[in-house]
C-alpha atoms as a PDB file:
ATOM      1  CA  MET A   1     -28.247 -13.556  -7.476  1.00  0.00           C
ATOM      2  CA  THR A   2     -27.209 -16.390  -9.757  1.00  0.00           C
ATOM      3  CA  ARG A   3     -27.183 -13.974 -12.661  1.00  0.00           C
ATOM      4  CA  VAL A   4     -24.642 -11.719 -10.938  1.00  0.00           C
ATOM      5  CA  ALA A   5     -22.409 -14.689 -10.138  1.00  0.00           C
ATOM      6  CA  THR A   6     -22.599 -15.854 -13.757  1.00  0.00           C
ATOM      7  CA  PHE A   7     -21.714 -12.388 -14.997  1.00  0.00           C
ATOM      8  CA  ALA A   8     -18.719 -12.238 -12.657  1.00  0.00           C
ATOM      9  CA  ASN A   9     -17.545 -15.653 -13.824  1.00  0.00           C
ATOM     10  CA  ASP A  10     -17.930 -14.604 -17.475  1.00  0.00           C
ATOM     11  CA  SER A  11     -15.913 -11.446 -16.815  1.00  0.00           C
ATOM     12  CA  LEU A  12     -13.138 -13.425 -15.193  1.00  0.00           C
ATOM     13  CA  ALA A  13     -13.100 -15.851 -18.099  1.00  0.00           C
ATOM     14  CA  VAL A  14     -12.525 -12.943 -20.497  1.00  0.00           C
ATOM     15  CA  LEU A  15      -9.523 -11.847 -18.448  1.00  0.00           C
ATOM     16  CA  ASN A  16      -8.010 -15.314 -18.765  1.00  0.00           C
ATOM     17  CA  THR A  17      -8.380 -15.331 -22.559  1.00  0.00           C
ATOM     18  CA  THR A  18      -6.887 -11.895 -23.221  1.00  0.00           C
ATOM     19  CA  ARG A  19      -3.188 -11.602 -23.775  1.00  0.00           C
ATOM     20  CA  SER A  20      -1.032 -10.128 -21.062  1.00  0.00           C
ATOM     21  CA  LEU A  21       0.043  -6.522 -20.861  1.00  0.00           C
ATOM     22  CA  PRO A  22       3.270  -5.426 -22.527  1.00  0.00           C
ATOM     23  CA  LEU A  23       6.342  -5.605 -20.324  1.00  0.00           C
ATOM     24  CA  LEU A  24       6.721  -1.828 -20.202  1.00  0.00           C
ATOM     25  CA  ALA A  25       3.144  -1.452 -18.946  1.00  0.00           C
ATOM     26  CA  VAL A  26       3.698  -4.049 -16.225  1.00  0.00           C
ATOM     27  CA  LEU A  27       6.931  -2.371 -15.138  1.00  0.00           C
ATOM     28  CA  SER A  28       5.257   1.042 -15.134  1.00  0.00           C
ATOM     29  CA  VAL A  29       2.444  -0.167 -12.887  1.00  0.00           C
ATOM     30  CA  LYS A  30       4.907  -1.853 -10.511  1.00  0.00           C
ATOM     31  CA  PHE A  31       7.019   1.319 -10.390  1.00  0.00           C
ATOM     32  CA  ALA A  32       3.961   3.468  -9.656  1.00  0.00           C
ATOM     33  CA  ALA A  33       2.882   1.104  -6.878  1.00  0.00           C
ATOM     34  CA  CYS A  34       6.363   1.195  -5.350  1.00  0.00           C
ATOM     35  CA  VAL A  35       6.572   4.998  -5.435  1.00  0.00           C
ATOM     36  CA  THR A  36       3.097   5.242  -3.906  1.00  0.00           C
ATOM     37  CA  LYS A  37       4.105   2.881  -1.102  1.00  0.00           C
ATOM     38  CA  TRP A  38       7.251   4.927  -0.435  1.00  0.00           C
ATOM     39  CA  ALA A  39       5.293   8.201  -0.358  1.00  0.00           C
ATOM     40  CA  THR A  40       2.780   6.707   2.077  1.00  0.00           C
ATOM     41  CA  ARG A  41       5.574   5.472   4.358  1.00  0.00           C
ATOM     42  CA  ARG A  42       7.249   8.890   4.323  1.00  0.00           C
ATOM     43  CA  GLN A  43       4.025  10.734   5.096  1.00  0.00           C
ATOM     44  CA  THR A  44       3.070   8.296   7.856  1.00  0.00           C
ATOM     45  CA  ARG A  45       6.488   8.481   9.491  1.00  0.00           C
ATOM     46  CA  LEU A  46       6.507  12.267   9.393  1.00  0.00           C
ATOM     47  CA  ALA A  47       3.094  12.312  11.081  1.00  0.00           C
ATOM     48  CA  LEU A  48       4.213   9.698  13.616  1.00  0.00           C
ATOM     49  CA  ASN A  49       7.117  11.919  14.587  1.00  0.00           C
ATOM     50  CA  HIS A  50       4.685  14.687  15.603  1.00  0.00           C
ATOM     51  CA  LEU A  51       2.322  12.652  17.778  1.00  0.00           C
ATOM     52  CA  GLU A  52       2.180  13.298  21.499  1.00  0.00           C
ATOM     53  CA  ALA A  53       2.673  10.599  24.146  1.00  0.00           C
ATOM     54  CA  TRP A  54      -1.050  10.149  24.820  1.00  0.00           C
ATOM     55  CA  GLN A  55      -1.703   9.716  21.083  1.00  0.00           C
ATOM     56  CA  LEU A  56       1.074   7.148  20.805  1.00  0.00           C
ATOM     57  CA  ASP A  57      -0.433   5.311  23.747  1.00  0.00           C
ATOM     58  CA  ASP A  58      -3.747   5.185  21.887  1.00  0.00           C
ATOM     59  CA  VAL A  59      -2.109   3.390  18.945  1.00  0.00           C
ATOM     60  CA  GLY A  60      -0.062   1.129  21.205  1.00  0.00           C
ATOM     61  CA  LEU A  61       3.398   2.617  20.687  1.00  0.00           C
ATOM     62  CA  THR A  62       5.966   3.872  23.129  1.00  0.00           C
ATOM     63  CA  PRO A  63       7.686   7.185  22.376  1.00  0.00           C
ATOM     64  CA  HIS A  64      10.940   5.282  21.820  1.00  0.00           C
ATOM     65  CA  ALA A  65       9.333   2.895  19.307  1.00  0.00           C
ATOM     66  CA  ALA A  66       7.716   5.832  17.506  1.00  0.00           C
ATOM     67  CA  ARG A  67      11.031   7.700  17.245  1.00  0.00           C
ATOM     68  CA  THR A  68      12.745   4.562  15.963  1.00  0.00           C
ATOM     69  CA  GLU A  69      10.084   4.068  13.285  1.00  0.00           C
ATOM     70  CA  ALA A  70      10.047   7.764  12.337  1.00  0.00           C
ATOM     71  CA  ARG A  71      13.813   7.755  11.765  1.00  0.00           C
ATOM     72  CA  LYS A  72      13.661   4.961   9.204  1.00  0.00           C
ATOM     73  CA  VAL A  73      14.164   5.932   5.591  1.00  0.00           C
ATOM     74  CA  PHE A  74      11.115   5.627   3.358  1.00  0.00           C
ATOM     75  CA  TRP A  75      12.362   2.662   1.343  1.00  0.00           C
ATOM     76  CA  LYS A  76      12.804   0.478   4.438  1.00  0.00           C
ATOM     77  CA  ALA A  77       9.780  -1.489   5.626  1.00  0.00           C
END
């Protein structure tokens, strides 16, 4: 078990010594993460809009709260 911990520590040390990613790469990853988050919100809100009252009750939402959340645009948290 000590060997695994040492290996993990060595791997982390390598990450600290390498130079950082280029700015364009960092921005690309952040953009991809943002678009993925937006797509997930849109898909979740569309599905939420189609749930029945008993299903909403199972997740702890009222129909009014579900409609309010489903009407939000995807870029709003």
